[in-house]
Amino acid sequence: MSTLSQAQIDKLLNIESALVEHAFPPQLVIENTSACNQQCIHCSHRELTRPKKHMARELWNKLVEEVARERPDCEVWPTFYGEALILGKELWDRIDYAAKVGCTNLVLNSNATLLLKKQHIDWILASPLKRFILSLDGFSKETYEKIRVHGKWDEVYPGVQALLERKAQRGQTYPSITCQFSLMDENEHEVEDFRAYWQARGAEVKVRPKLEWTATGTVSSSYIDHESDFRIACPWGNNTMAIHQDGTVVACAVDYDARLKIGNTRDETIKTLWQRLGTCLREPHRAHRWQDIPEVCKGCRDWQTAGAEYQKESVPGTRPFWYNEETQDFRISSSQKASYG
């Protein structure tokens, strides 16, 4: 029996109705490193079989130069699976180079464990980042350290607070600082305390359901329905292109172990590979030709987590390209509902 509520179905249908084909990816995840210093219980990174390495600098340069030529406002994430701050000053040199060649929408995510190491806070605040997202996922020390294995609450929480205080002292607008909370059974009782705590300290708060990372590993979520026949075209697969540290283009941002490989950016352009990904993935998704979607997509239900909850935008231009506050009531037409029976 389906556990999706009508409100959830309406929200997902509304998101799907806005999906269109893009000539160039509006959101690009470029894995500058696949290495991470945590082994979180809700992340499949710990199950990677591919190498945990850094992307070669010349490949990063090639990629951001193409972005700057083709779509400067493309939302570029310098990593996703790994922890970018491991790269140290090299990370900030790479981000500076991307801005120098013309990329205007740079977004970085981090687990915040290294904020108090080296000069990361100064580098963050001096960077051209539009958004900086910190994945924390717990409010109390006990919950945080249970979920984010190898993370130390006594280092991470003071580090995030120091970043927010320094930004306020400098009177900066950018980057916006977002504290992210992935909702799961282990932490759902703390979400409101987490929200109130970080909003009071000047951070934005983002809440999203736990992912299953294509359900090809051991991570599972009670926030995802596994029984219903209802399905929409995957928003991530439609809007995002993911490039692993060796240049491989994969299905999407949660294809963590590269189960679909459509080519390599060392040999071909982002635009060419994006078009190829459109033929094998985006087109059958949007046409609801479920028998033709890639194998990695068939058992994946992470599309149900689309449309993360954001508070009202306080820093201009720092919401994902797909976000529209005016449509957050998720109204859909009766004909859309009818198309799903």
C-alpha atoms as a PDB file:
ATOM      1  CA  MET A   1       0.000   0.000   0.000  1.00  0.00           C
ATOM      2  CA  SER A   2       1.260   3.477  -0.874  1.00  0.00           C
ATOM      3  CA  THR A   3       2.391   5.705   1.971  1.00  0.00           C
ATOM      4  CA  LEU A   4       2.545   8.792  -0.256  1.00  0.00           C
ATOM      5  CA  SER A   5      -0.012  11.365   0.816  1.00  0.00           C
ATOM      6  CA  GLN A   6      -2.042  13.312  -1.708  1.00  0.00           C
ATOM      7  CA  ALA A   7      -0.089  16.420  -0.699  1.00  0.00           C
ATOM      8  CA  GLN A   8       3.190  14.659  -1.553  1.00  0.00           C
ATOM      9  CA  ILE A   9       1.806  13.460  -4.870  1.00  0.00           C
ATOM     10  CA  ASP A  10       0.584  16.950  -5.702  1.00  0.00           C
ATOM     11  CA  LYS A  11       3.967  18.412  -4.848  1.00  0.00           C
ATOM     12  CA  LEU A  12       5.815  15.904  -7.034  1.00  0.00           C
ATOM     13  CA  LEU A  13       3.446  16.384  -9.971  1.00  0.00           C
ATOM     14  CA  ASN A  14       3.956  20.115  -9.730  1.00  0.00           C
ATOM     15  CA  ILE A  15       7.716  19.660  -9.808  1.00  0.00           C
ATOM     16  CA  GLU A  16       7.477  17.335 -12.808  1.00  0.00           C
ATOM     17  CA  SER A  17       5.262  19.776 -14.707  1.00  0.00           C
ATOM     18  CA  ALA A  18       8.101  22.315 -14.711  1.00  0.00           C
ATOM     19  CA  LEU A  19      10.720  19.958 -16.180  1.00  0.00           C
ATOM     20  CA  VAL A  20      11.996  21.036 -19.591  1.00  0.00           C
ATOM     21  CA  GLU A  21      14.900  20.063 -21.825  1.00  0.00           C
ATOM     22  CA  HIS A  22      17.989  22.234 -21.384  1.00  0.00           C
ATOM     23  CA  ALA A  23      20.618  22.734 -24.077  1.00  0.00           C
ATOM     24  CA  PHE A  24      23.312  22.706 -21.381  1.00  0.00           C
ATOM     25  CA  PRO A  25      23.023  21.416 -17.814  1.00  0.00           C
ATOM     26  CA  PRO A  26      21.623  24.088 -15.485  1.00  0.00           C
ATOM     27  CA  GLN A  27      23.274  22.301 -12.560  1.00  0.00           C
ATOM     28  CA  LEU A  28      26.670  20.597 -12.739  1.00  0.00           C
ATOM     29  CA  VAL A  29      28.222  18.456 -10.000  1.00  0.00           C
ATOM     30  CA  ILE A  30      31.992  18.200 -10.544  1.00  0.00           C
ATOM     31  CA  GLU A  31      33.681  15.835  -8.125  1.00  0.00           C
ATOM     32  CA  ASN A  32      36.986  17.515  -7.314  1.00  0.00           C
ATOM     33  CA  THR A  33      37.543  14.716  -4.832  1.00  0.00           C
ATOM     34  CA  SER A  34      35.873  11.401  -4.100  1.00  0.00           C
ATOM     35  CA  ALA A  35      37.641  11.162  -0.731  1.00  0.00           C
ATOM     36  CA  CYS A  36      35.766  11.842   2.505  1.00  0.00           C
ATOM     37  CA  ASN A  37      36.751  11.921   6.174  1.00  0.00           C
ATOM     38  CA  GLN A  38      33.364  10.699   7.466  1.00  0.00           C
ATOM     39  CA  GLN A  39      31.385   7.469   7.144  1.00  0.00           C
ATOM     40  CA  CYS A  40      27.842   8.681   7.738  1.00  0.00           C
ATOM     41  CA  ILE A  41      25.130   6.113   8.325  1.00  0.00           C
ATOM     42  CA  HIS A  42      22.878   7.673   5.664  1.00  0.00           C
ATOM     43  CA  CYS A  43      25.470   7.925   2.879  1.00  0.00           C
ATOM     44  CA  SER A  44      26.649   5.291   0.399  1.00  0.00           C
ATOM     45  CA  HIS A  45      30.083   6.876   0.109  1.00  0.00           C
ATOM     46  CA  ARG A  46      31.345   4.214   2.530  1.00  0.00           C
ATOM     47  CA  GLU A  47      30.358   1.596  -0.073  1.00  0.00           C
ATOM     48  CA  LEU A  48      32.309   3.072  -2.989  1.00  0.00           C
ATOM     49  CA  THR A  49      34.207   0.514  -5.030  1.00  0.00           C
ATOM     50  CA  ARG A  50      35.791   3.120  -7.306  1.00  0.00           C
ATOM     51  CA  PRO A  51      39.015   4.942  -6.331  1.00  0.00           C
ATOM     52  CA  LYS A  52      38.942   7.729  -3.751  1.00  0.00           C
ATOM     53  CA  LYS A  53      41.063  10.339  -5.492  1.00  0.00           C
ATOM     54  CA  HIS A  54      41.232  14.018  -6.383  1.00  0.00           C
ATOM     55  CA  MET A  55      40.362  15.335  -9.845  1.00  0.00           C
ATOM     56  CA  ALA A  56      43.342  16.509 -11.883  1.00  0.00           C
ATOM     57  CA  ARG A  57      43.585  20.299 -11.950  1.00  0.00           C
ATOM     58  CA  GLU A  58      43.794  20.451 -15.733  1.00  0.00           C
ATOM     59  CA  LEU A  59      40.468  18.608 -16.037  1.00  0.00           C
ATOM     60  CA  TRP A  60      38.752  21.010 -13.620  1.00  0.00           C
ATOM     61  CA  ASN A  61      40.100  23.934 -15.645  1.00  0.00           C
ATOM     62  CA  LYS A  62      38.830  22.426 -18.893  1.00  0.00           C
ATOM     63  CA  LEU A  63      35.349  21.891 -17.435  1.00  0.00           C
ATOM     64  CA  VAL A  64      34.841  25.338 -15.934  1.00  0.00           C
ATOM     65  CA  GLU A  65      36.171  27.001 -19.075  1.00  0.00           C
ATOM     66  CA  GLU A  66      33.446  25.253 -21.071  1.00  0.00           C
ATOM     67  CA  VAL A  67      30.796  26.219 -18.504  1.00  0.00           C
ATOM     68  CA  ALA A  68      31.884  29.855 -18.743  1.00  0.00           C
ATOM     69  CA  ARG A  69      31.564  29.770 -22.542  1.00  0.00           C
ATOM     70  CA  GLU A  70      28.273  27.875 -22.740  1.00  0.00           C
ATOM     71  CA  ARG A  71      26.285  28.830 -19.648  1.00  0.00           C
ATOM     72  CA  PRO A  72      28.036  31.082 -17.110  1.00  0.00           C
ATOM     73  CA  ASP A  73      25.075  30.957 -14.703  1.00  0.00           C
ATOM     74  CA  CYS A  74      25.137  27.146 -14.537  1.00  0.00           C
ATOM     75  CA  GLU A  75      25.018  26.123 -10.874  1.00  0.00           C
ATOM     76  CA  VAL A  76      28.448  24.529 -10.396  1.00  0.00           C
ATOM     77  CA  TRP A  77      29.093  22.316  -7.356  1.00  0.00           C
ATOM     78  CA  PRO A  78      32.859  21.659  -6.962  1.00  0.00           C
ATOM     79  CA  THR A  79      32.122  18.364  -5.240  1.00  0.00           C
ATOM     80  CA  PHE A  80      29.270  16.284  -3.855  1.00  0.00           C
ATOM     81  CA  TYR A  81      30.330  12.803  -2.734  1.00  0.00           C
ATOM     82  CA  GLY A  82      33.651  13.707  -1.127  1.00  0.00           C
ATOM     83  CA  GLU A  83      34.690  16.385   1.359  1.00  0.00           C
ATOM     84  CA  ALA A  84      36.074  19.298  -0.637  1.00  0.00           C
ATOM     85  CA  LEU A  85      37.932  21.000   2.217  1.00  0.00           C
ATOM     86  CA  ILE A  86      40.365  18.065   2.246  1.00  0.00           C
ATOM     87  CA  LEU A  87      41.973  19.766  -0.778  1.00  0.00           C
ATOM     88  CA  GLY A  88      43.048  22.726   1.386  1.00  0.00           C
ATOM     89  CA  LYS A  89      44.175  25.876  -0.411  1.00  0.00           C
ATOM     90  CA  GLU A  90      44.028  24.047  -3.762  1.00  0.00           C
ATOM     91  CA  LEU A  91      40.231  23.980  -3.512  1.00  0.00           C
ATOM     92  CA  TRP A  92      40.039  27.752  -3.204  1.00  0.00           C
ATOM     93  CA  ASP A  93      42.494  28.221  -6.075  1.00  0.00           C
ATOM     94  CA  ARG A  94      40.220  26.074  -8.237  1.00  0.00           C
ATOM     95  CA  ILE A  95      37.103  27.986  -7.220  1.00  0.00           C
ATOM     96  CA  ASP A  96      38.847  31.307  -7.845  1.00  0.00           C
ATOM     97  CA  TYR A  97      39.868  30.106 -11.296  1.00  0.00           C
ATOM     98  CA  ALA A  98      36.277  29.161 -12.133  1.00  0.00           C
ATOM     99  CA  ALA A  99      35.123  32.660 -11.240  1.00  0.00           C
ATOM    100  CA  LYS A 100      38.026  34.228 -13.130  1.00  0.00           C
ATOM    101  CA  VAL A 101      37.064  32.514 -16.401  1.00  0.00           C
ATOM    102  CA  GLY A 102      33.424  33.540 -16.017  1.00  0.00           C
ATOM    103  CA  CYS A 103      31.422  31.075 -13.853  1.00  0.00           C
ATOM    104  CA  THR A 104      28.957  33.116 -11.805  1.00  0.00           C
ATOM    105  CA  ASN A 105      27.032  30.559  -9.742  1.00  0.00           C
ATOM    106  CA  LEU A 106      29.373  28.497  -7.558  1.00  0.00           C
ATOM    107  CA  VAL A 107      27.901  26.398  -4.735  1.00  0.00           C
ATOM    108  CA  LEU A 108      29.916  24.311  -2.276  1.00  0.00           C
ATOM    109  CA  ASN A 109      28.769  21.674   0.202  1.00  0.00           C
ATOM    110  CA  SER A 110      30.829  20.472   3.168  1.00  0.00           C
ATOM    111  CA  ASN A 111      30.568  18.391   6.324  1.00  0.00           C
ATOM    112  CA  ALA A 112      32.162  21.279   8.271  1.00  0.00           C
ATOM    113  CA  THR A 113      34.735  19.099  10.025  1.00  0.00           C
ATOM    114  CA  LEU A 114      37.696  21.165   8.785  1.00  0.00           C
ATOM    115  CA  LEU A 115      36.304  24.673   9.266  1.00  0.00           C
ATOM    116  CA  LEU A 116      38.653  25.433  12.165  1.00  0.00           C
ATOM    117  CA  LYS A 117      41.677  23.957  10.383  1.00  0.00           C
ATOM    118  CA  LYS A 118      44.161  26.017   8.356  1.00  0.00           C
ATOM    119  CA  GLN A 119      42.504  29.216   7.070  1.00  0.00           C
ATOM    120  CA  HIS A 120      39.269  27.765   5.742  1.00  0.00           C
ATOM    121  CA  ILE A 121      36.949  30.366   7.277  1.00  0.00           C
ATOM    122  CA  ASP A 122      38.963  33.211   5.759  1.00  0.00           C
ATOM    123  CA  TRP A 123      39.176  31.390   2.433  1.00  0.00           C
ATOM    124  CA  ILE A 124      35.411  30.776   2.413  1.00  0.00           C
ATOM    125  CA  LEU A 125      34.575  34.401   3.093  1.00  0.00           C
ATOM    126  CA  ALA A 126      37.080  35.649   0.509  1.00  0.00           C
ATOM    127  CA  SER A 127      35.799  33.248  -2.146  1.00  0.00           C
ATOM    128  CA  PRO A 128      33.368  33.905  -5.020  1.00  0.00           C
ATOM    129  CA  LEU A 129      30.919  31.280  -3.683  1.00  0.00           C
ATOM    130  CA  LYS A 130      27.239  32.140  -3.978  1.00  0.00           C
ATOM    131  CA  ARG A 131      26.159  29.495  -1.447  1.00  0.00           C
ATOM    132  CA  PHE A 132      27.938  27.381   1.161  1.00  0.00           C
ATOM    133  CA  ILE A 133      25.952  24.396   2.465  1.00  0.00           C
ATOM    134  CA  LEU A 134      26.923  22.572   5.647  1.00  0.00           C
ATOM    135  CA  SER A 135      25.508  19.091   6.119  1.00  0.00           C
ATOM    136  CA  LEU A 136      25.050  18.569   9.865  1.00  0.00           C
ATOM    137  CA  ASP A 137      22.009  16.277  10.313  1.00  0.00           C
ATOM    138  CA  GLY A 138      21.840  16.338  14.091  1.00  0.00           C
ATOM    139  CA  PHE A 139      21.222  18.832  16.869  1.00  0.00           C
ATOM    140  CA  SER A 140      22.449  17.072  20.005  1.00  0.00           C
ATOM    141  CA  LYS A 141      25.984  15.749  20.345  1.00  0.00           C
ATOM    142  CA  GLU A 142      24.660  12.202  20.720  1.00  0.00           C
ATOM    143  CA  THR A 143      22.520  12.305  17.586  1.00  0.00           C
ATOM    144  CA  TYR A 144      25.061  14.171  15.466  1.00  0.00           C
ATOM    145  CA  GLU A 145      27.905  11.756  16.260  1.00  0.00           C
ATOM    146  CA  LYS A 146      25.679   8.699  15.785  1.00  0.00           C
ATOM    147  CA  ILE A 147      24.780   9.834  12.252  1.00  0.00           C
ATOM    148  CA  ARG A 148      27.956  11.546  11.092  1.00  0.00           C
ATOM    149  CA  VAL A 149      30.504   8.890  11.992  1.00  0.00           C
ATOM    150  CA  HIS A 150      34.001  10.329  12.697  1.00  0.00           C
ATOM    151  CA  GLY A 151      32.499  13.799  13.121  1.00  0.00           C
ATOM    152  CA  LYS A 152      33.022  15.578  16.460  1.00  0.00           C
ATOM    153  CA  TRP A 153      30.180  17.820  17.612  1.00  0.00           C
ATOM    154  CA  ASP A 154      32.621  19.810  19.800  1.00  0.00           C
ATOM    155  CA  GLU A 155      34.587  20.803  16.695  1.00  0.00           C
ATOM    156  CA  VAL A 156      31.870  21.092  14.049  1.00  0.00           C
ATOM    157  CA  TYR A 157      29.286  23.188  15.877  1.00  0.00           C
ATOM    158  CA  PRO A 158      31.860  25.757  17.129  1.00  0.00           C
ATOM    159  CA  GLY A 159      33.314  25.876  13.617  1.00  0.00           C
ATOM    160  CA  VAL A 160      29.999  26.702  11.987  1.00  0.00           C
ATOM    161  CA  GLN A 161      29.263  29.297  14.652  1.00  0.00           C
ATOM    162  CA  ALA A 162      32.684  30.897  14.100  1.00  0.00           C
ATOM    163  CA  LEU A 163      32.013  31.103  10.358  1.00  0.00           C
ATOM    164  CA  LEU A 164      28.635  32.771  10.915  1.00  0.00           C
ATOM    165  CA  GLU A 165      30.071  35.217  13.466  1.00  0.00           C
ATOM    166  CA  ARG A 166      32.979  36.174  11.204  1.00  0.00           C
ATOM    167  CA  LYS A 167      30.653  36.725   8.265  1.00  0.00           C
ATOM    168  CA  ALA A 168      28.393  38.953  10.386  1.00  0.00           C
ATOM    169  CA  GLN A 169      31.370  40.950  11.665  1.00  0.00           C
ATOM    170  CA  ARG A 170      32.478  41.580   8.090  1.00  0.00           C
ATOM    171  CA  GLY A 171      28.982  42.589   6.997  1.00  0.00           C
ATOM    172  CA  GLN A 172      29.072  40.232   4.011  1.00  0.00           C
ATOM    173  CA  THR A 173      26.095  39.157   1.936  1.00  0.00           C
ATOM    174  CA  TYR A 174      27.729  36.242   0.137  1.00  0.00           C
ATOM    175  CA  PRO A 175      28.145  33.396   0.420  1.00  0.00           C
ATOM    176  CA  SER A 176      24.853  32.541   2.064  1.00  0.00           C
ATOM    177  CA  ILE A 177      25.422  29.939   4.785  1.00  0.00           C
ATOM    178  CA  THR A 178      22.960  27.041   4.876  1.00  0.00           C
ATOM    179  CA  CYS A 179      22.789  24.397   7.598  1.00  0.00           C
ATOM    180  CA  GLN A 180      21.276  21.231   6.127  1.00  0.00           C
ATOM    181  CA  PHE A 181      19.312  18.560   7.968  1.00  0.00           C
ATOM    182  CA  SER A 182      18.592  15.214   6.292  1.00  0.00           C
ATOM    183  CA  LEU A 183      15.445  13.901   7.941  1.00  0.00           C
ATOM    184  CA  MET A 184      15.604  10.274   9.119  1.00  0.00           C
ATOM    185  CA  ASP A 185      14.303   8.078  11.936  1.00  0.00           C
ATOM    186  CA  GLU A 186      17.383   8.775  14.064  1.00  0.00           C
ATOM    187  CA  ASN A 187      17.009  12.571  14.117  1.00  0.00           C
ATOM    188  CA  GLU A 188      13.405  13.523  13.292  1.00  0.00           C
ATOM    189  CA  HIS A 189      12.768  14.481  16.932  1.00  0.00           C
ATOM    190  CA  GLU A 190      15.417  17.225  16.688  1.00  0.00           C
ATOM    191  CA  VAL A 191      14.452  19.022  13.488  1.00  0.00           C
ATOM    192  CA  GLU A 192      12.668  21.977  15.116  1.00  0.00           C
ATOM    193  CA  ASP A 193      15.446  22.523  17.672  1.00  0.00           C
ATOM    194  CA  PHE A 194      17.988  22.403  14.841  1.00  0.00           C
ATOM    195  CA  ARG A 195      15.998  24.895  12.781  1.00  0.00           C
ATOM    196  CA  ALA A 196      15.555  27.367  15.638  1.00  0.00           C
ATOM    197  CA  TYR A 197      19.185  27.104  16.758  1.00  0.00           C
ATOM    198  CA  TRP A 198      20.776  27.882  13.406  1.00  0.00           C
ATOM    199  CA  GLN A 199      18.267  30.491  12.281  1.00  0.00           C
ATOM    200  CA  ALA A 200      18.922  32.386  15.510  1.00  0.00           C
ATOM    201  CA  ARG A 201      22.615  32.470  14.603  1.00  0.00           C
ATOM    202  CA  GLY A 202      22.129  33.848  11.111  1.00  0.00           C
ATOM    203  CA  ALA A 203      22.160  30.674   9.016  1.00  0.00           C
ATOM    204  CA  GLU A 204      19.556  29.573   6.542  1.00  0.00           C
ATOM    205  CA  VAL A 205      18.154  26.101   7.161  1.00  0.00           C
ATOM    206  CA  LYS A 206      17.376  23.426   4.594  1.00  0.00           C
ATOM    207  CA  VAL A 207      15.490  20.235   5.468  1.00  0.00           C
ATOM    208  CA  ARG A 208      15.221  17.288   3.120  1.00  0.00           C
ATOM    209  CA  PRO A 209      14.274  13.607   3.459  1.00  0.00           C
ATOM    210  CA  LYS A 210      17.069  11.061   3.639  1.00  0.00           C
ATOM    211  CA  LEU A 211      18.228   9.677   0.285  1.00  0.00           C
ATOM    212  CA  GLU A 212      18.738   6.030  -0.634  1.00  0.00           C
ATOM    213  CA  TRP A 213      21.496   6.704  -3.190  1.00  0.00           C
ATOM    214  CA  THR A 214      19.686   4.785  -5.960  1.00  0.00           C
ATOM    215  CA  ALA A 215      18.887   1.955  -3.496  1.00  0.00           C
ATOM    216  CA  THR A 216      21.807  -0.052  -4.882  1.00  0.00           C
ATOM    217  CA  GLY A 217      23.635  -0.190  -1.548  1.00  0.00           C
ATOM    218  CA  THR A 218      22.561  -0.721   2.047  1.00  0.00           C
ATOM    219  CA  VAL A 219      21.044   2.709   2.740  1.00  0.00           C
ATOM    220  CA  SER A 220      17.252   2.706   3.034  1.00  0.00           C
ATOM    221  CA  SER A 221      14.749   5.294   4.184  1.00  0.00           C
ATOM    222  CA  SER A 222      11.355   5.064   5.853  1.00  0.00           C
ATOM    223  CA  TYR A 223      10.606   8.469   4.302  1.00  0.00           C
ATOM    224  CA  ILE A 224      10.505   6.906   0.834  1.00  0.00           C
ATOM    225  CA  ASP A 225       7.551   4.903  -0.469  1.00  0.00           C
ATOM    226  CA  HIS A 226       8.594   1.547  -1.915  1.00  0.00           C
ATOM    227  CA  GLU A 227       5.200   0.149  -2.851  1.00  0.00           C
ATOM    228  CA  SER A 228       3.308   2.686  -4.946  1.00  0.00           C
ATOM    229  CA  ASP A 229       3.193   2.456  -8.740  1.00  0.00           C
ATOM    230  CA  PHE A 230       3.108   6.260  -8.873  1.00  0.00           C
ATOM    231  CA  ARG A 231       6.221   7.769 -10.422  1.00  0.00           C
ATOM    232  CA  ILE A 232       7.401  11.025 -11.946  1.00  0.00           C
ATOM    233  CA  ALA A 233      10.291  11.853 -14.243  1.00  0.00           C
ATOM    234  CA  CYS A 234      13.326  12.311 -12.014  1.00  0.00           C
ATOM    235  CA  PRO A 235      14.068  16.010 -11.421  1.00  0.00           C
ATOM    236  CA  TRP A 236      17.728  15.315 -10.638  1.00  0.00           C
ATOM    237  CA  GLY A 237      18.196  13.204 -13.729  1.00  0.00           C
ATOM    238  CA  ASN A 238      16.547  15.911 -15.797  1.00  0.00           C
ATOM    239  CA  ASN A 239      18.336  18.951 -14.391  1.00  0.00           C
ATOM    240  CA  THR A 240      21.740  17.801 -13.183  1.00  0.00           C
ATOM    241  CA  MET A 241      24.870  16.385 -14.763  1.00  0.00           C
ATOM    242  CA  ALA A 242      27.390  14.639 -12.502  1.00  0.00           C
ATOM    243  CA  ILE A 243      31.071  14.201 -13.321  1.00  0.00           C
ATOM    244  CA  HIS A 244      33.265  11.920 -11.233  1.00  0.00           C
ATOM    245  CA  GLN A 245      36.861  12.752 -10.332  1.00  0.00           C
ATOM    246  CA  ASP A 246      38.229  10.767 -13.293  1.00  0.00           C
ATOM    247  CA  GLY A 247      36.001  12.658 -15.744  1.00  0.00           C
ATOM    248  CA  THR A 248      33.302   9.982 -16.080  1.00  0.00           C
ATOM    249  CA  VAL A 249      29.771  11.270 -16.658  1.00  0.00           C
ATOM    250  CA  VAL A 250      27.194   9.181 -14.779  1.00  0.00           C
ATOM    251  CA  ALA A 251      23.408   8.993 -14.489  1.00  0.00           C
ATOM    252  CA  CYS A 252      22.932  11.700 -11.864  1.00  0.00           C
ATOM    253  CA  ALA A 253      24.207  13.105  -8.598  1.00  0.00           C
ATOM    254  CA  VAL A 254      23.254   9.977  -6.624  1.00  0.00           C
ATOM    255  CA  ASP A 255      24.819   7.450  -9.007  1.00  0.00           C
ATOM    256  CA  TYR A 256      27.643   7.209  -6.488  1.00  0.00           C
ATOM    257  CA  ASP A 257      29.377   4.121  -7.882  1.00  0.00           C
ATOM    258  CA  ALA A 258      29.029   4.965 -11.594  1.00  0.00           C
ATOM    259  CA  ARG A 259      26.547   2.267 -12.574  1.00  0.00           C
ATOM    260  CA  LEU A 260      25.752   4.222 -15.745  1.00  0.00           C
ATOM    261  CA  LYS A 261      28.721   5.597 -17.673  1.00  0.00           C
ATOM    262  CA  ILE A 262      27.971   7.540 -20.832  1.00  0.00           C
ATOM    263  CA  GLY A 263      31.418   8.909 -21.610  1.00  0.00           C
ATOM    264  CA  ASN A 264      34.317  10.902 -20.230  1.00  0.00           C
ATOM    265  CA  THR A 265      34.871  14.666 -20.208  1.00  0.00           C
ATOM    266  CA  ARG A 266      38.571  14.155 -20.819  1.00  0.00           C
ATOM    267  CA  ASP A 267      37.678  13.098 -24.352  1.00  0.00           C
ATOM    268  CA  GLU A 268      34.410  14.909 -25.108  1.00  0.00           C
ATOM    269  CA  THR A 269      32.687  18.145 -24.200  1.00  0.00           C
ATOM    270  CA  ILE A 270      30.131  18.584 -21.445  1.00  0.00           C
ATOM    271  CA  LYS A 271      27.608  19.633 -24.079  1.00  0.00           C
ATOM    272  CA  THR A 272      28.104  16.505 -26.194  1.00  0.00           C
ATOM    273  CA  LEU A 273      27.779  14.191 -23.194  1.00  0.00           C
ATOM    274  CA  TRP A 274      24.751  16.101 -21.910  1.00  0.00           C
ATOM    275  CA  GLN A 275      23.016  15.510 -25.233  1.00  0.00           C
ATOM    276  CA  ARG A 276      23.843  11.798 -25.068  1.00  0.00           C
ATOM    277  CA  LEU A 277      22.504  11.627 -21.520  1.00  0.00           C
ATOM    278  CA  GLY A 278      19.320  13.234 -22.784  1.00  0.00           C
ATOM    279  CA  THR A 279      18.718  10.429 -25.267  1.00  0.00           C
ATOM    280  CA  CYS A 280      19.310   7.563 -22.843  1.00  0.00           C
ATOM    281  CA  LEU A 281      17.897   9.055 -19.626  1.00  0.00           C
ATOM    282  CA  ARG A 282      15.996  12.345 -19.774  1.00  0.00           C
ATOM    283  CA  GLU A 283      13.777  11.605 -22.768  1.00  0.00           C
ATOM    284  CA  PRO A 284      12.388   8.263 -21.526  1.00  0.00           C
ATOM    285  CA  HIS A 285      11.890   9.717 -18.051  1.00  0.00           C
ATOM    286  CA  ARG A 286       9.838  12.683 -19.254  1.00  0.00           C
ATOM    287  CA  ALA A 287       7.856  10.446 -21.648  1.00  0.00           C
ATOM    288  CA  HIS A 288       7.151   7.948 -18.812  1.00  0.00           C
ATOM    289  CA  ARG A 289       8.717   5.158 -20.856  1.00  0.00           C
ATOM    290  CA  TRP A 290       9.752   3.412 -17.675  1.00  0.00           C
ATOM    291  CA  GLN A 291      10.824   0.247 -19.505  1.00  0.00           C
ATOM    292  CA  ASP A 292      13.453   2.300 -21.383  1.00  0.00           C
ATOM    293  CA  ILE A 293      15.063   4.176 -18.488  1.00  0.00           C
ATOM    294  CA  PRO A 294      18.574   3.073 -17.407  1.00  0.00           C
ATOM    295  CA  GLU A 295      18.789   0.081 -15.077  1.00  0.00           C
ATOM    296  CA  VAL A 296      20.180   2.226 -12.256  1.00  0.00           C
ATOM    297  CA  CYS A 297      17.005   4.331 -12.415  1.00  0.00           C
ATOM    298  CA  LYS A 298      14.508   1.479 -12.333  1.00  0.00           C
ATOM    299  CA  GLY A 299      14.822   0.644  -8.657  1.00  0.00           C
ATOM    300  CA  CYS A 300      15.638   4.186  -7.547  1.00  0.00           C
ATOM    301  CA  ARG A 301      13.020   6.207  -5.673  1.00  0.00           C
ATOM    302  CA  ASP A 302      15.179   9.133  -4.623  1.00  0.00           C
ATOM    303  CA  TRP A 303      13.076  11.350  -6.919  1.00  0.00           C
ATOM    304  CA  GLN A 304      10.552  11.364  -4.067  1.00  0.00           C
ATOM    305  CA  THR A 305      12.898  13.633  -2.103  1.00  0.00           C
ATOM    306  CA  ALA A 306      12.795  16.384  -4.742  1.00  0.00           C
ATOM    307  CA  GLY A 307      11.772  19.842  -3.619  1.00  0.00           C
ATOM    308  CA  ALA A 308      13.692  20.241  -0.352  1.00  0.00           C
ATOM    309  CA  GLU A 309      12.218  22.589   2.219  1.00  0.00           C
ATOM    310  CA  TYR A 310      13.842  26.025   2.373  1.00  0.00           C
ATOM    311  CA  GLN A 311      12.981  28.966   4.565  1.00  0.00           C
ATOM    312  CA  LYS A 312      12.027  32.194   2.799  1.00  0.00           C
ATOM    313  CA  GLU A 313      14.989  33.487   0.819  1.00  0.00           C
ATOM    314  CA  SER A 314      16.972  36.075   2.770  1.00  0.00           C
ATOM    315  CA  VAL A 315      19.995  36.422   0.478  1.00  0.00           C
ATOM    316  CA  PRO A 316      19.070  37.294  -3.128  1.00  0.00           C
ATOM    317  CA  GLY A 317      19.854  34.749  -5.832  1.00  0.00           C
ATOM    318  CA  THR A 318      20.810  31.885  -3.530  1.00  0.00           C
ATOM    319  CA  ARG A 319      18.063  29.383  -4.224  1.00  0.00           C
ATOM    320  CA  PRO A 320      18.504  26.509  -6.699  1.00  0.00           C
ATOM    321  CA  PHE A 321      17.550  27.405 -10.250  1.00  0.00           C
ATOM    322  CA  TRP A 322      14.353  25.313 -10.031  1.00  0.00           C
ATOM    323  CA  TYR A 323      13.063  26.951  -6.852  1.00  0.00           C
ATOM    324  CA  ASN A 324      10.089  29.300  -7.046  1.00  0.00           C
ATOM    325  CA  GLU A 325       8.542  30.546  -3.813  1.00  0.00           C
ATOM    326  CA  GLU A 326       5.332  31.430  -5.603  1.00  0.00           C
ATOM    327  CA  THR A 327       4.709  27.781  -6.496  1.00  0.00           C
ATOM    328  CA  GLN A 328       5.474  26.219  -3.140  1.00  0.00           C
ATOM    329  CA  ASP A 329       1.789  25.501  -2.529  1.00  0.00           C
ATOM    330  CA  PHE A 330       2.262  22.835  -5.233  1.00  0.00           C
ATOM    331  CA  ARG A 331      -1.093  23.355  -6.931  1.00  0.00           C
ATOM    332  CA  ILE A 332      -1.692  21.149  -9.957  1.00  0.00           C
ATOM    333  CA  SER A 333      -4.453  20.813 -12.473  1.00  0.00           C
ATOM    334  CA  SER A 334      -7.116  18.119 -12.431  1.00  0.00           C
ATOM    335  CA  SER A 335      -5.855  16.893 -15.809  1.00  0.00           C
ATOM    336  CA  GLN A 336      -2.401  16.234 -14.359  1.00  0.00           C
ATOM    337  CA  LYS A 337      -3.940  14.181 -11.549  1.00  0.00           C
ATOM    338  CA  ALA A 338      -6.078  12.278 -14.042  1.00  0.00           C
ATOM    339  CA  SER A 339      -3.016  11.319 -16.065  1.00  0.00           C
ATOM    340  CA  TYR A 340      -1.912   9.221 -13.099  1.00  0.00           C
ATOM    341  CA  GLY A 341      -5.300   7.622 -12.501  1.00  0.00           C
END
